[in-house]
Amino acid sequence: MALYPDIQKNAQTEIDTVIGIERLPEFEDRPSLPFVEALYREVVRWKPVAPLGVAHTSTADDVYNGYFIPKGTTVISNIWAMTRDESIYPEPERFNPDRFFTADGKLSDDETVLAFGFGRRICPGRHNADPTLWAAFVSILSTFNIAKAKDDTGKEIEIDPNSYSDSLFSHPLPFSCSIIPRSETAKSLVQATMETHDF
């Protein structure tokens, strides 16, 4: 969010308007936060955690789009390439949550999050992972402003959006940023949560 302060602000405005500032977002709020949902979908599309998915083995001979796939073949679903398909995601390298809205401004019905895979071999933990990620995501947005850090002279420290690990599971390399409570109320909500939960 440090790279996209205007997008962060739009999401926070939606959260404040729908939920207010006196409580943290809850799972039941999800359908009422279409911009936050679009932003969440774009975050997991733009930099998928498992860009090559998880390898699977074909259980029988098969033909897919004219390609013969023998039984026992290791199949790798290239999630990275799928999330960069320009016919589905125009300007795929551009971070743009609006791509998940229809021409008339409604959130698209397509709830597919390719980061969890697809078909019979879709991630079995997605029903836990998806709402957990969403809850963390929206709670952070509701309580914190994330911005570029500043050096000793007050100049913003730039963040390289392409500075990611080259491992099987992708993650950003360490970078400096500023994470500040949005208000005293937000700070109190975070402190109360920390006091009532074992982390």
Protein backbone atom coordinates (compact mmCIF):
# COMPACT_ATOMS: atom_id res chain seq x y z
CA MET A 1 0.00 0.00 0.00
CA ALA A 2 3.00 2.27 0.43
CA LEU A 3 3.30 2.30 -3.36
CA TYR A 4 -0.38 3.16 -3.90
CA PRO A 5 -1.52 5.70 -1.28
CA ASP A 6 -4.56 6.81 -3.32
CA ILE A 7 -5.80 3.22 -3.60
CA GLN A 8 -5.20 2.72 0.13
CA LYS A 9 -7.19 5.87 0.88
CA ASN A 10 -10.11 4.73 -1.31
CA ALA A 11 -10.25 1.42 0.57
CA GLN A 12 -10.06 3.17 3.94
CA THR A 13 -12.84 5.56 2.95
CA GLU A 14 -15.06 2.61 2.04
CA ILE A 15 -14.25 0.87 5.34
CA ASP A 16 -14.94 4.03 7.36
CA THR A 17 -18.21 4.68 5.52
CA VAL A 18 -19.56 1.12 5.81
CA ILE A 19 -18.17 0.04 9.19
CA GLY A 20 -17.16 3.23 10.96
CA ILE A 21 -14.09 3.59 13.14
CA GLU A 22 -15.36 2.15 16.42
CA ARG A 23 -14.83 -1.52 15.58
CA LEU A 24 -12.70 -3.81 13.45
CA PRO A 25 -14.15 -5.28 10.26
CA GLU A 26 -15.78 -8.71 10.52
CA PHE A 27 -16.32 -11.53 8.01
CA GLU A 28 -19.96 -10.49 7.64
CA ASP A 29 -18.82 -7.09 6.31
CA ARG A 30 -17.12 -8.58 3.25
CA PRO A 31 -20.08 -8.31 0.82
CA SER A 32 -20.52 -4.64 1.80
CA LEU A 33 -16.93 -3.71 0.88
CA PRO A 34 -16.65 -4.16 -2.90
CA PHE A 35 -13.60 -1.93 -3.36
CA VAL A 36 -11.74 -3.70 -0.55
CA GLU A 37 -12.67 -7.02 -2.18
CA ALA A 38 -11.36 -5.83 -5.56
CA LEU A 39 -8.17 -4.61 -3.88
CA TYR A 40 -7.71 -7.96 -2.13
CA ARG A 41 -8.18 -9.82 -5.42
CA GLU A 42 -5.65 -7.56 -7.13
CA VAL A 43 -3.07 -8.03 -4.36
CA VAL A 44 -3.17 -11.83 -4.71
CA ARG A 45 -3.26 -11.61 -8.53
CA TRP A 46 -0.42 -9.10 -8.89
CA LYS A 47 2.17 -11.00 -6.84
CA PRO A 48 0.96 -14.58 -6.27
CA VAL A 49 2.60 -16.40 -3.36
CA ALA A 50 3.09 -19.58 -5.40
CA PRO A 51 3.73 -18.29 -8.95
CA LEU A 52 4.19 -21.80 -10.35
CA GLY A 53 1.36 -23.27 -8.33
CA VAL A 54 1.90 -26.70 -6.85
CA ALA A 55 3.03 -29.56 -9.08
CA HIS A 56 0.53 -32.36 -9.70
CA THR A 57 0.72 -35.72 -11.47
CA SER A 58 -1.76 -36.83 -14.11
CA THR A 59 -3.61 -39.96 -12.98
CA ALA A 60 -4.52 -41.08 -16.50
CA ASP A 61 -3.62 -40.38 -20.12
CA ASP A 62 -5.31 -37.17 -21.20
CA VAL A 63 -5.48 -34.72 -24.08
CA TYR A 64 -5.69 -31.00 -23.36
CA ASN A 65 -6.00 -28.47 -26.19
CA GLY A 66 -4.50 -31.02 -28.57
CA TYR A 67 -1.59 -31.90 -26.29
CA PHE A 68 -1.22 -35.51 -25.18
CA ILE A 69 -0.42 -35.80 -21.47
CA PRO A 70 0.60 -39.34 -20.49
CA LYS A 71 -0.37 -40.83 -17.13
CA GLY A 72 2.27 -40.00 -14.52
CA THR A 73 3.28 -36.68 -16.10
CA THR A 74 4.19 -33.90 -13.68
CA VAL A 75 1.95 -30.95 -14.47
CA ILE A 76 2.86 -27.46 -13.33
CA SER A 77 0.15 -24.81 -13.52
CA ASN A 78 1.92 -21.54 -14.21
CA ILE A 79 -0.17 -19.22 -12.04
CA TRP A 80 2.17 -16.34 -12.90
CA ALA A 81 1.40 -16.64 -16.61
CA MET A 82 -2.34 -17.02 -15.96
CA THR A 83 -2.42 -13.84 -13.89
CA ARG A 84 -0.58 -12.08 -16.72
CA ASP A 85 -3.02 -13.11 -19.48
CA GLU A 86 -3.72 -9.78 -21.17
CA SER A 87 -7.03 -11.00 -22.59
CA ILE A 88 -8.30 -11.31 -19.01
CA TYR A 89 -6.10 -8.79 -17.17
CA PRO A 90 -5.23 -5.87 -19.50
CA GLU A 91 -1.93 -4.22 -18.54
CA PRO A 92 -1.17 -7.09 -16.15
CA GLU A 93 1.91 -5.48 -14.58
CA ARG A 94 -0.12 -2.43 -13.59
CA PHE A 95 -1.61 -2.64 -10.10
CA ASN A 96 -5.28 -1.89 -10.72
CA PRO A 97 -8.10 -3.09 -8.43
CA ASP A 98 -10.65 -1.51 -10.80
CA ARG A 99 -10.08 -4.43 -13.20
CA PHE A 100 -12.42 -6.45 -10.96
CA PHE A 101 -15.38 -4.16 -11.64
CA THR A 102 -17.76 -4.48 -14.57
CA ALA A 103 -18.35 -1.60 -17.00
CA ASP A 104 -21.37 -0.52 -14.92
CA GLY A 105 -19.28 -0.30 -11.73
CA LYS A 106 -20.36 -3.55 -10.06
CA LEU A 107 -17.88 -5.99 -8.54
CA SER A 108 -17.43 -8.86 -10.98
CA ASP A 109 -19.07 -12.18 -10.11
CA ASP A 110 -15.81 -14.01 -10.76
CA GLU A 111 -14.52 -14.84 -7.30
CA THR A 112 -11.74 -17.01 -8.72
CA VAL A 113 -8.52 -16.39 -6.89
CA LEU A 114 -5.94 -18.20 -9.02
CA ALA A 115 -3.46 -18.03 -6.16
CA PHE A 116 -5.34 -20.99 -4.63
CA GLY A 117 -5.19 -23.06 -7.81
CA PHE A 118 -8.23 -24.44 -9.60
CA GLY A 119 -10.15 -27.56 -10.55
CA ARG A 120 -10.11 -30.77 -8.53
CA ARG A 121 -6.67 -29.97 -7.15
CA ILE A 122 -7.53 -26.52 -5.82
CA CYS A 123 -5.98 -25.74 -2.43
CA PRO A 124 -7.95 -27.69 0.18
CA GLY A 125 -7.20 -25.01 2.77
CA ARG A 126 -8.57 -22.12 0.71
CA HIS A 127 -11.78 -21.96 2.77
CA ASN A 128 -9.64 -21.12 5.79
CA ALA A 129 -6.86 -19.20 4.05
CA ASP A 130 -9.04 -16.85 1.99
CA PRO A 131 -11.17 -15.42 4.83
CA THR A 132 -8.15 -15.31 7.15
CA LEU A 133 -6.09 -13.35 4.61
CA TRP A 134 -9.04 -11.07 3.88
CA ALA A 135 -9.65 -10.40 7.60
CA ALA A 136 -5.99 -9.54 8.20
CA PHE A 137 -5.90 -7.39 5.07
CA VAL A 138 -9.03 -5.36 5.87
CA SER A 139 -8.13 -5.03 9.57
CA ILE A 140 -4.72 -3.59 8.70
CA LEU A 141 -6.30 -1.18 6.22
CA SER A 142 -8.88 -0.07 8.79
CA THR A 143 -6.35 0.67 11.53
CA PHE A 144 -3.06 1.66 9.88
CA ASN A 145 -1.67 3.98 7.24
CA ILE A 146 1.15 2.35 5.32
CA ALA A 147 3.52 4.77 3.60
CA LYS A 148 7.05 5.03 2.29
CA ALA A 149 9.62 5.49 5.05
CA LYS A 150 11.71 8.65 5.15
CA ASP A 151 15.45 8.93 5.57
CA ASP A 152 17.23 11.25 8.04
CA THR A 153 16.75 14.21 5.69
CA GLY A 154 13.00 13.62 5.37
CA LYS A 155 13.24 12.26 1.82
CA GLU A 156 11.02 9.27 0.99
CA ILE A 157 12.86 5.98 0.59
CA GLU A 158 11.81 4.41 -2.69
CA ILE A 159 10.43 0.87 -2.78
CA ASP A 160 11.18 -1.45 -5.69
CA PRO A 161 7.88 -3.24 -6.48
CA ASN A 162 9.82 -6.02 -8.23
CA SER A 163 12.15 -6.84 -5.33
CA TYR A 164 10.85 -10.33 -4.59
CA SER A 165 12.43 -13.66 -3.67
CA ASP A 166 13.22 -16.19 -6.38
CA SER A 167 12.05 -19.15 -4.31
CA LEU A 168 9.15 -21.57 -4.80
CA PHE A 169 7.04 -19.33 -2.56
CA SER A 170 7.38 -15.69 -3.52
CA HIS A 171 7.61 -12.91 -0.96
CA PRO A 172 8.90 -9.34 -0.96
CA LEU A 173 12.49 -8.85 0.07
CA PRO A 174 12.93 -6.65 3.17
CA PHE A 175 12.17 -2.97 2.62
CA SER A 176 11.59 0.10 4.76
CA CYS A 177 8.12 1.53 5.21
CA SER A 178 6.11 3.48 7.74
CA ILE A 179 3.16 1.81 9.49
CA ILE A 180 1.28 4.24 11.71
CA PRO A 181 -2.10 3.93 13.47
CA ARG A 182 -4.73 5.98 11.62
CA SER A 183 -6.11 7.46 14.84
CA GLU A 184 -6.16 7.06 18.61
CA THR A 185 -9.33 4.99 18.19
CA ALA A 186 -7.53 2.67 15.76
CA LYS A 187 -4.61 2.39 18.18
CA SER A 188 -7.01 1.44 21.00
CA LEU A 189 -8.68 -1.22 18.82
CA VAL A 190 -5.31 -2.79 18.03
CA GLN A 191 -4.21 -2.69 21.68
CA ALA A 192 -7.51 -4.24 22.84
CA THR A 193 -7.13 -7.02 20.28
CA MET A 194 -3.56 -7.71 21.40
CA GLU A 195 -4.68 -7.90 25.04
CA THR A 196 -7.55 -10.30 24.39
CA HIS A 197 -5.81 -12.74 22.01
CA ASP A 198 -2.80 -14.98 22.33
CA PHE A 199 -0.45 -14.37 19.41
